[in-house]
């Protein structure tokens, strides 16, 4: 009798484990069917690294140039991609009419690669001095916004993890509308960058990101004496999308926007 009870107990345990495994497999299949998994690719580039880490003393004008849109992959070289493949639409095009079911931004993920460090060419933010002209107290153009120099950066990906829906994002002059934020001494999120909007209607376009594709850009890696938590904030129409959080040293002066003077 005791042997029969032991056998029954073992069979019961095995049945529970079997059913648990089946439920786990079904659950995993459902998740994968709804959205694919984005894994950070390894960046292969022959571009020389830089030792220069930008250390701004004021809030900088943000700019996140869209370098390419590419299918999910295990590795790629961003310096060999071509912008001709990008699918842009004018903001007021009626390209989605009758096809709304094909589009969704619900599966967008904004990801900062905190492991790989790459160089980027920091170019003048033309919008800042064409539209607003940022000037210092001595009425000179702020150098960090105008100098061309190679600086340290981190890879940034805007990934559409949907299996079957295309995402639409708004862009300005080939850049994502995005800024870096950081926590101050009190733990409050505050911007380290600001955005200069263009008054020209031809600056604004909508960009398609097909399923299982990502947009690639680069974010400046700063240095300073204040170690804090940072994140990226993407503005897309009325929605905001935040990246994963990452650590970076900054200068507290980066919380202060410089004096903006308009042209006369």
C-alpha atoms as a PDB file:
ATOM      1  CA  UNK A   1       0.000   0.000   0.000  1.00  0.00           C
ATOM      2  CA  UNK A   2       2.844   2.357   0.930  1.00  0.00           C
ATOM      3  CA  UNK A   3       4.596   1.573  -2.354  1.00  0.00           C
ATOM      4  CA  UNK A   4       1.432   2.413  -4.314  1.00  0.00           C
ATOM      5  CA  UNK A   5       1.113   5.770  -2.534  1.00  0.00           C
ATOM      6  CA  UNK A   6       4.745   6.616  -3.351  1.00  0.00           C
ATOM      7  CA  UNK A   7       4.176   5.742  -6.998  1.00  0.00           C
ATOM      8  CA  UNK A   8       1.025   7.870  -7.091  1.00  0.00           C
ATOM      9  CA  UNK A   9       2.909  10.838  -5.560  1.00  0.00           C
ATOM     10  CA  UNK A  10       5.708  10.581  -8.125  1.00  0.00           C
ATOM     11  CA  UNK A  11       3.202  10.417 -10.996  1.00  0.00           C
ATOM     12  CA  UNK A  12       1.346  13.467  -9.621  1.00  0.00           C
ATOM     13  CA  UNK A  13       4.571  15.485  -9.400  1.00  0.00           C
ATOM     14  CA  UNK A  14       5.535  14.511 -12.943  1.00  0.00           C
ATOM     15  CA  UNK A  15       2.083  15.502 -14.226  1.00  0.00           C
ATOM     16  CA  UNK A  16       2.353  18.920 -12.544  1.00  0.00           C
ATOM     17  CA  UNK A  17       5.816  19.471 -14.040  1.00  0.00           C
ATOM     18  CA  UNK A  18       4.584  18.379 -17.459  1.00  0.00           C
ATOM     19  CA  UNK A  19       1.581  20.722 -17.396  1.00  0.00           C
ATOM     20  CA  UNK A  20       3.765  23.593 -16.129  1.00  0.00           C
ATOM     21  CA  UNK A  21       6.188  23.052 -19.031  1.00  0.00           C
ATOM     22  CA  UNK A  22       3.333  23.063 -21.554  1.00  0.00           C
ATOM     23  CA  UNK A  23       1.931  26.329 -20.138  1.00  0.00           C
ATOM     24  CA  UNK A  24       5.381  27.943 -20.222  1.00  0.00           C
ATOM     25  CA  UNK A  25       5.895  26.932 -23.847  1.00  0.00           C
ATOM     26  CA  UNK A  26       2.485  28.259 -24.853  1.00  0.00           C
ATOM     27  CA  UNK A  27       3.131  31.527 -23.026  1.00  0.00           C
ATOM     28  CA  UNK A  28       6.545  31.940 -24.667  1.00  0.00           C
ATOM     29  CA  UNK A  29       5.086  31.247 -28.096  1.00  0.00           C
ATOM     30  CA  UNK A  30       2.377  33.864 -27.584  1.00  0.00           C
ATOM     31  CA  UNK A  31       4.903  36.517 -26.590  1.00  0.00           C
ATOM     32  CA  UNK A  32       7.142  35.795 -29.550  1.00  0.00           C
ATOM     33  CA  UNK A  33       4.184  35.822 -31.885  1.00  0.00           C
ATOM     34  CA  UNK A  34       3.165  39.290 -30.659  1.00  0.00           C
ATOM     35  CA  UNK A  35       6.570  40.956 -30.821  1.00  0.00           C
ATOM     36  CA  UNK A  36      10.071  39.976 -31.815  1.00  0.00           C
ATOM     37  CA  UNK A  37      13.023  40.456 -29.485  1.00  0.00           C
ATOM     38  CA  UNK A  38      15.530  43.215 -30.268  1.00  0.00           C
ATOM     39  CA  UNK A  39      19.106  42.333 -29.347  1.00  0.00           C
ATOM     40  CA  UNK A  40      21.894  44.884 -29.523  1.00  0.00           C
ATOM     41  CA  UNK A  41      24.083  44.196 -32.572  1.00  0.00           C
ATOM     42  CA  UNK A  42      27.867  44.204 -32.452  1.00  0.00           C
ATOM     43  CA  UNK A  43      29.201  47.257 -34.263  1.00  0.00           C
ATOM     44  CA  UNK A  44      31.978  46.493 -36.721  1.00  0.00           C
ATOM     45  CA  UNK A  45      33.768  49.597 -37.928  1.00  0.00           C
ATOM     46  CA  UNK A  46      37.251  50.531 -39.082  1.00  0.00           C
ATOM     47  CA  UNK A  47      36.768  54.095 -37.882  1.00  0.00           C
ATOM     48  CA  UNK A  48      39.392  55.195 -35.378  1.00  0.00           C
ATOM     49  CA  UNK A  49      38.282  55.710 -31.799  1.00  0.00           C
ATOM     50  CA  UNK A  50      38.656  59.056 -30.086  1.00  0.00           C
ATOM     51  CA  UNK A  51      39.852  59.949 -26.594  1.00  0.00           C
ATOM     52  CA  UNK A  52      37.898  63.224 -26.520  1.00  0.00           C
ATOM     53  CA  UNK A  53      34.905  63.225 -24.173  1.00  0.00           C
ATOM     54  CA  UNK A  54      32.819  66.373 -24.415  1.00  0.00           C
ATOM     55  CA  UNK A  55      32.416  68.308 -21.161  1.00  0.00           C
ATOM     56  CA  UNK A  56      29.752  70.976 -21.809  1.00  0.00           C
ATOM     57  CA  UNK A  57      29.326  73.899 -19.400  1.00  0.00           C
ATOM     58  CA  UNK A  58      25.726  74.648 -20.372  1.00  0.00           C
ATOM     59  CA  UNK A  59      22.633  72.970 -21.834  1.00  0.00           C
ATOM     60  CA  UNK A  60      23.375  71.977 -25.404  1.00  0.00           C
ATOM     61  CA  UNK A  61      21.200  71.996 -28.497  1.00  0.00           C
ATOM     62  CA  UNK A  62      20.171  68.390 -29.198  1.00  0.00           C
ATOM     63  CA  UNK A  63      20.608  66.685 -32.560  1.00  0.00           C
ATOM     64  CA  UNK A  64      20.280  62.956 -33.322  1.00  0.00           C
ATOM     65  CA  UNK A  65      20.981  62.394 -36.995  1.00  0.00           C
ATOM     66  CA  UNK A  66      19.302  59.332 -38.491  1.00  0.00           C
ATOM     67  CA  UNK A  67      22.172  57.381 -40.016  1.00  0.00           C
ATOM     68  CA  UNK A  68      20.268  54.351 -41.267  1.00  0.00           C
ATOM     69  CA  UNK A  69      17.231  52.098 -40.912  1.00  0.00           C
ATOM     70  CA  UNK A  70      18.162  48.423 -40.886  1.00  0.00           C
ATOM     71  CA  UNK A  71      16.626  45.001 -40.266  1.00  0.00           C
ATOM     72  CA  UNK A  72      17.452  43.351 -36.937  1.00  0.00           C
ATOM     73  CA  UNK A  73      20.906  41.776 -37.181  1.00  0.00           C
ATOM     74  CA  UNK A  74      23.715  40.417 -35.022  1.00  0.00           C
ATOM     75  CA  UNK A  75      26.342  42.873 -36.290  1.00  0.00           C
ATOM     76  CA  UNK A  76      26.645  45.792 -38.702  1.00  0.00           C
ATOM     77  CA  UNK A  77      28.843  48.684 -39.801  1.00  0.00           C
ATOM     78  CA  UNK A  78      26.943  52.000 -39.563  1.00  0.00           C
ATOM     79  CA  UNK A  79      29.601  53.762 -41.640  1.00  0.00           C
ATOM     80  CA  UNK A  80      28.695  51.610 -44.652  1.00  0.00           C
ATOM     81  CA  UNK A  81      24.936  52.148 -44.574  1.00  0.00           C
ATOM     82  CA  UNK A  82      23.154  54.492 -46.993  1.00  0.00           C
ATOM     83  CA  UNK A  83      20.332  56.938 -46.311  1.00  0.00           C
ATOM     84  CA  UNK A  84      18.814  56.433 -49.752  1.00  0.00           C
ATOM     85  CA  UNK A  85      16.861  53.483 -48.342  1.00  0.00           C
ATOM     86  CA  UNK A  86      14.888  55.616 -45.881  1.00  0.00           C
ATOM     87  CA  UNK A  87      11.129  55.819 -46.470  1.00  0.00           C
ATOM     88  CA  UNK A  88       9.966  59.373 -45.792  1.00  0.00           C
ATOM     89  CA  UNK A  89       6.494  60.887 -46.160  1.00  0.00           C
ATOM     90  CA  UNK A  90       5.425  64.495 -45.874  1.00  0.00           C
ATOM     91  CA  UNK A  91       3.654  65.186 -42.574  1.00  0.00           C
ATOM     92  CA  UNK A  92       0.340  65.890 -44.256  1.00  0.00           C
ATOM     93  CA  UNK A  93       0.418  63.054 -46.782  1.00  0.00           C
ATOM     94  CA  UNK A  94      -2.657  60.829 -46.671  1.00  0.00           C
ATOM     95  CA  UNK A  95      -0.592  57.682 -47.159  1.00  0.00           C
ATOM     96  CA  UNK A  96      -2.212  55.928 -44.162  1.00  0.00           C
ATOM     97  CA  UNK A  97      -5.834  56.485 -45.146  1.00  0.00           C
ATOM     98  CA  UNK A  98      -7.599  53.145 -45.408  1.00  0.00           C
ATOM     99  CA  UNK A  99      -4.447  51.363 -44.191  1.00  0.00           C
ATOM    100  CA  UNK A 100      -4.424  52.373 -40.529  1.00  0.00           C
ATOM    101  CA  UNK A 101      -4.406  48.712 -39.460  1.00  0.00           C
ATOM    102  CA  UNK A 102      -0.904  48.353 -40.919  1.00  0.00           C
ATOM    103  CA  UNK A 103       0.621  51.003 -38.641  1.00  0.00           C
ATOM    104  CA  UNK A 104       1.365  51.126 -34.923  1.00  0.00           C
ATOM    105  CA  UNK A 105       3.930  52.680 -32.572  1.00  0.00           C
ATOM    106  CA  UNK A 106       2.999  50.404 -29.664  1.00  0.00           C
ATOM    107  CA  UNK A 107       6.032  48.143 -30.166  1.00  0.00           C
ATOM    108  CA  UNK A 108       8.690  50.860 -30.436  1.00  0.00           C
ATOM    109  CA  UNK A 109      11.664  50.542 -28.067  1.00  0.00           C
ATOM    110  CA  UNK A 110      14.315  53.211 -27.502  1.00  0.00           C
ATOM    111  CA  UNK A 111      17.568  51.529 -26.500  1.00  0.00           C
ATOM    112  CA  UNK A 112      20.921  53.015 -25.483  1.00  0.00           C
ATOM    113  CA  UNK A 113      23.882  50.655 -25.830  1.00  0.00           C
ATOM    114  CA  UNK A 114      25.855  51.254 -22.634  1.00  0.00           C
ATOM    115  CA  UNK A 115      28.547  48.672 -23.430  1.00  0.00           C
ATOM    116  CA  UNK A 116      29.946  49.668 -26.807  1.00  0.00           C
ATOM    117  CA  UNK A 117      31.623  53.063 -27.180  1.00  0.00           C
ATOM    118  CA  UNK A 118      32.083  54.564 -30.632  1.00  0.00           C
ATOM    119  CA  UNK A 119      33.278  57.832 -32.128  1.00  0.00           C
ATOM    120  CA  UNK A 120      30.963  60.389 -33.676  1.00  0.00           C
ATOM    121  CA  UNK A 121      31.657  63.613 -35.515  1.00  0.00           C
ATOM    122  CA  UNK A 122      30.091  66.461 -33.546  1.00  0.00           C
ATOM    123  CA  UNK A 123      28.973  68.949 -36.170  1.00  0.00           C
ATOM    124  CA  UNK A 124      27.468  72.435 -35.854  1.00  0.00           C
ATOM    125  CA  UNK A 125      23.813  72.375 -34.878  1.00  0.00           C
ATOM    126  CA  UNK A 126      22.793  74.597 -37.761  1.00  0.00           C
ATOM    127  CA  UNK A 127      19.256  75.008 -36.478  1.00  0.00           C
ATOM    128  CA  UNK A 128      20.481  76.645 -33.260  1.00  0.00           C
ATOM    129  CA  UNK A 129      22.229  79.570 -34.894  1.00  0.00           C
ATOM    130  CA  UNK A 130      20.092  79.765 -38.031  1.00  0.00           C
ATOM    131  CA  UNK A 131      16.787  79.943 -36.165  1.00  0.00           C
ATOM    132  CA  UNK A 132      17.777  81.287 -32.739  1.00  0.00           C
ATOM    133  CA  UNK A 133      21.554  81.875 -32.725  1.00  0.00           C
ATOM    134  CA  UNK A 134      22.696  80.831 -29.264  1.00  0.00           C
ATOM    135  CA  UNK A 135      25.041  83.415 -27.845  1.00  0.00           C
ATOM    136  CA  UNK A 136      27.064  83.578 -24.694  1.00  0.00           C
ATOM    137  CA  UNK A 137      27.170  86.560 -22.347  1.00  0.00           C
ATOM    138  CA  UNK A 138      29.836  88.183 -24.491  1.00  0.00           C
ATOM    139  CA  UNK A 139      27.642  87.738 -27.585  1.00  0.00           C
ATOM    140  CA  UNK A 140      29.912  85.092 -29.101  1.00  0.00           C
ATOM    141  CA  UNK A 141      28.565  81.870 -30.593  1.00  0.00           C
ATOM    142  CA  UNK A 142      28.934  79.010 -28.132  1.00  0.00           C
ATOM    143  CA  UNK A 143      31.733  76.763 -29.341  1.00  0.00           C
ATOM    144  CA  UNK A 144      30.305  73.404 -28.323  1.00  0.00           C
ATOM    145  CA  UNK A 145      27.413  74.013 -30.712  1.00  0.00           C
ATOM    146  CA  UNK A 146      29.580  75.062 -33.649  1.00  0.00           C
ATOM    147  CA  UNK A 147      32.891  73.182 -33.593  1.00  0.00           C
ATOM    148  CA  UNK A 148      33.448  70.118 -35.762  1.00  0.00           C
ATOM    149  CA  UNK A 149      35.222  67.473 -33.717  1.00  0.00           C
ATOM    150  CA  UNK A 150      35.252  63.723 -33.097  1.00  0.00           C
ATOM    151  CA  UNK A 151      33.942  62.853 -29.635  1.00  0.00           C
ATOM    152  CA  UNK A 152      32.984  59.735 -27.689  1.00  0.00           C
ATOM    153  CA  UNK A 153      29.415  58.530 -28.133  1.00  0.00           C
ATOM    154  CA  UNK A 154      27.101  55.624 -27.400  1.00  0.00           C
ATOM    155  CA  UNK A 155      25.023  53.771 -30.024  1.00  0.00           C
ATOM    156  CA  UNK A 156      21.287  54.506 -29.908  1.00  0.00           C
ATOM    157  CA  UNK A 157      18.559  52.351 -31.470  1.00  0.00           C
ATOM    158  CA  UNK A 158      14.876  53.033 -32.058  1.00  0.00           C
ATOM    159  CA  UNK A 159      13.579  49.517 -32.692  1.00  0.00           C
ATOM    160  CA  UNK A 160      10.196  48.431 -34.033  1.00  0.00           C
ATOM    161  CA  UNK A 161       9.715  45.029 -32.397  1.00  0.00           C
ATOM    162  CA  UNK A 162       6.334  44.404 -33.989  1.00  0.00           C
ATOM    163  CA  UNK A 163       5.992  41.307 -36.154  1.00  0.00           C
ATOM    164  CA  UNK A 164       3.587  42.825 -38.676  1.00  0.00           C
ATOM    165  CA  UNK A 165       2.989  46.563 -38.115  1.00  0.00           C
ATOM    166  CA  UNK A 166       5.014  49.476 -39.476  1.00  0.00           C
ATOM    167  CA  UNK A 167       5.837  52.330 -37.090  1.00  0.00           C
ATOM    168  CA  UNK A 168       5.758  55.993 -38.101  1.00  0.00           C
ATOM    169  CA  UNK A 169       7.981  58.571 -36.380  1.00  0.00           C
ATOM    170  CA  UNK A 170       8.240  62.305 -36.886  1.00  0.00           C
ATOM    171  CA  UNK A 171      11.599  63.779 -37.855  1.00  0.00           C
ATOM    172  CA  UNK A 172      13.101  67.200 -38.411  1.00  0.00           C
ATOM    173  CA  UNK A 173      15.730  67.696 -41.112  1.00  0.00           C
ATOM    174  CA  UNK A 174      16.850  64.067 -40.854  1.00  0.00           C
ATOM    175  CA  UNK A 175      17.049  63.965 -37.061  1.00  0.00           C
ATOM    176  CA  UNK A 176      14.994  62.259 -34.374  1.00  0.00           C
ATOM    177  CA  UNK A 177      13.299  64.850 -32.170  1.00  0.00           C
ATOM    178  CA  UNK A 178      14.960  63.752 -28.948  1.00  0.00           C
ATOM    179  CA  UNK A 179      16.814  65.102 -25.901  1.00  0.00           C
ATOM    180  CA  UNK A 180      18.884  63.691 -23.045  1.00  0.00           C
ATOM    181  CA  UNK A 181      17.548  63.977 -19.501  1.00  0.00           C
ATOM    182  CA  UNK A 182      19.306  63.426 -16.168  1.00  0.00           C
ATOM    183  CA  UNK A 183      18.431  63.296 -12.483  1.00  0.00           C
ATOM    184  CA  UNK A 184      19.484  66.324 -10.444  1.00  0.00           C
ATOM    185  CA  UNK A 185      20.542  66.421  -6.768  1.00  0.00           C
ATOM    186  CA  UNK A 186      16.936  65.868  -5.684  1.00  0.00           C
ATOM    187  CA  UNK A 187      16.328  62.944  -8.017  1.00  0.00           C
ATOM    188  CA  UNK A 188      14.136  64.935 -10.408  1.00  0.00           C
ATOM    189  CA  UNK A 189      14.387  64.372 -14.161  1.00  0.00           C
ATOM    190  CA  UNK A 190      15.600  67.499 -15.960  1.00  0.00           C
ATOM    191  CA  UNK A 191      16.747  68.056 -19.567  1.00  0.00           C
ATOM    192  CA  UNK A 192      20.443  68.317 -20.401  1.00  0.00           C
ATOM    193  CA  UNK A 193      19.586  69.373 -23.959  1.00  0.00           C
ATOM    194  CA  UNK A 194      16.943  71.492 -25.645  1.00  0.00           C
ATOM    195  CA  UNK A 195      15.423  71.308 -29.114  1.00  0.00           C
ATOM    196  CA  UNK A 196      15.397  74.036 -31.778  1.00  0.00           C
ATOM    197  CA  UNK A 197      12.286  73.717 -33.927  1.00  0.00           C
ATOM    198  CA  UNK A 198      12.409  74.820 -37.540  1.00  0.00           C
ATOM    199  CA  UNK A 199      10.006  77.424 -38.888  1.00  0.00           C
ATOM    200  CA  UNK A 200      10.263  75.807 -42.336  1.00  0.00           C
ATOM    201  CA  UNK A 201       7.511  73.332 -43.220  1.00  0.00           C
ATOM    202  CA  UNK A 202       9.883  71.416 -45.488  1.00  0.00           C
ATOM    203  CA  UNK A 203      11.942  70.413 -42.439  1.00  0.00           C
ATOM    204  CA  UNK A 204       9.349  67.957 -41.168  1.00  0.00           C
ATOM    205  CA  UNK A 205       8.794  64.446 -42.500  1.00  0.00           C
ATOM    206  CA  UNK A 206       7.406  61.149 -41.238  1.00  0.00           C
ATOM    207  CA  UNK A 207       9.707  58.135 -41.394  1.00  0.00           C
ATOM    208  CA  UNK A 208       8.585  54.507 -41.744  1.00  0.00           C
ATOM    209  CA  UNK A 209      10.183  51.795 -39.605  1.00  0.00           C
ATOM    210  CA  UNK A 210       9.150  48.396 -40.898  1.00  0.00           C
ATOM    211  CA  UNK A 211       8.590  45.432 -38.556  1.00  0.00           C
ATOM    212  CA  UNK A 212      11.803  44.063 -37.019  1.00  0.00           C
ATOM    213  CA  UNK A 213      13.813  47.102 -38.186  1.00  0.00           C
ATOM    214  CA  UNK A 214      15.676  49.764 -36.209  1.00  0.00           C
ATOM    215  CA  UNK A 215      16.776  53.368 -36.649  1.00  0.00           C
ATOM    216  CA  UNK A 216      20.403  53.983 -35.742  1.00  0.00           C
ATOM    217  CA  UNK A 217      21.873  57.186 -34.338  1.00  0.00           C
ATOM    218  CA  UNK A 218      24.524  58.229 -31.826  1.00  0.00           C
ATOM    219  CA  UNK A 219      24.387  60.093 -28.512  1.00  0.00           C
ATOM    220  CA  UNK A 220      27.192  62.220 -27.110  1.00  0.00           C
ATOM    221  CA  UNK A 221      28.953  60.755 -24.082  1.00  0.00           C
ATOM    222  CA  UNK A 222      29.641  63.574 -21.639  1.00  0.00           C
ATOM    223  CA  UNK A 223      32.126  63.928 -18.802  1.00  0.00           C
ATOM    224  CA  UNK A 224      31.950  66.076 -15.687  1.00  0.00           C
ATOM    225  CA  UNK A 225      32.058  66.049 -11.889  1.00  0.00           C
ATOM    226  CA  UNK A 226      28.455  64.962 -11.214  1.00  0.00           C
ATOM    227  CA  UNK A 227      27.715  61.232 -11.521  1.00  0.00           C
ATOM    228  CA  UNK A 228      24.031  60.621 -12.197  1.00  0.00           C
ATOM    229  CA  UNK A 229      21.368  58.592 -13.990  1.00  0.00           C
ATOM    230  CA  UNK A 230      20.403  59.605 -17.531  1.00  0.00           C
ATOM    231  CA  UNK A 231      17.913  58.627 -20.211  1.00  0.00           C
ATOM    232  CA  UNK A 232      16.762  59.726 -23.671  1.00  0.00           C
ATOM    233  CA  UNK A 233      13.333  61.198 -24.341  1.00  0.00           C
ATOM    234  CA  UNK A 234      11.906  60.859 -27.857  1.00  0.00           C
ATOM    235  CA  UNK A 235       9.108  63.198 -28.927  1.00  0.00           C
ATOM    236  CA  UNK A 236       6.799  61.679 -31.529  1.00  0.00           C
ATOM    237  CA  UNK A 237       3.643  63.710 -32.193  1.00  0.00           C
ATOM    238  CA  UNK A 238       1.807  63.805 -28.849  1.00  0.00           C
ATOM    239  CA  UNK A 239       3.650  60.787 -27.457  1.00  0.00           C
ATOM    240  CA  UNK A 240       6.898  60.539 -25.508  1.00  0.00           C
ATOM    241  CA  UNK A 241       9.096  57.446 -25.486  1.00  0.00           C
ATOM    242  CA  UNK A 242      11.868  56.941 -22.932  1.00  0.00           C
ATOM    243  CA  UNK A 243      14.999  54.854 -23.240  1.00  0.00           C
ATOM    244  CA  UNK A 244      16.603  52.555 -20.716  1.00  0.00           C
ATOM    245  CA  UNK A 245      18.425  54.399 -17.937  1.00  0.00           C
ATOM    246  CA  UNK A 246      22.212  54.666 -17.933  1.00  0.00           C
ATOM    247  CA  UNK A 247      24.938  56.239 -15.817  1.00  0.00           C
ATOM    248  CA  UNK A 248      27.054  59.192 -16.961  1.00  0.00           C
ATOM    249  CA  UNK A 249      29.101  62.017 -15.458  1.00  0.00           C
ATOM    250  CA  UNK A 250      27.920  65.508 -16.374  1.00  0.00           C
ATOM    251  CA  UNK A 251      28.387  69.119 -15.268  1.00  0.00           C
ATOM    252  CA  UNK A 252      25.516  70.628 -13.288  1.00  0.00           C
ATOM    253  CA  UNK A 253      25.697  73.677 -15.556  1.00  0.00           C
ATOM    254  CA  UNK A 254      24.178  71.471 -18.260  1.00  0.00           C
ATOM    255  CA  UNK A 255      20.825  71.908 -16.515  1.00  0.00           C
ATOM    256  CA  UNK A 256      20.963  75.613 -17.397  1.00  0.00           C
ATOM    257  CA  UNK A 257      19.884  76.712 -20.847  1.00  0.00           C
ATOM    258  CA  UNK A 258      22.082  79.442 -22.362  1.00  0.00           C
ATOM    259  CA  UNK A 259      20.729  82.861 -23.186  1.00  0.00           C
ATOM    260  CA  UNK A 260      18.950  82.783 -26.542  1.00  0.00           C
ATOM    261  CA  UNK A 261      19.021  85.936 -28.640  1.00  0.00           C
ATOM    262  CA  UNK A 262      17.075  86.306 -31.847  1.00  0.00           C
ATOM    263  CA  UNK A 263      18.546  87.849 -34.970  1.00  0.00           C
ATOM    264  CA  UNK A 264      17.680  91.461 -35.745  1.00  0.00           C
END
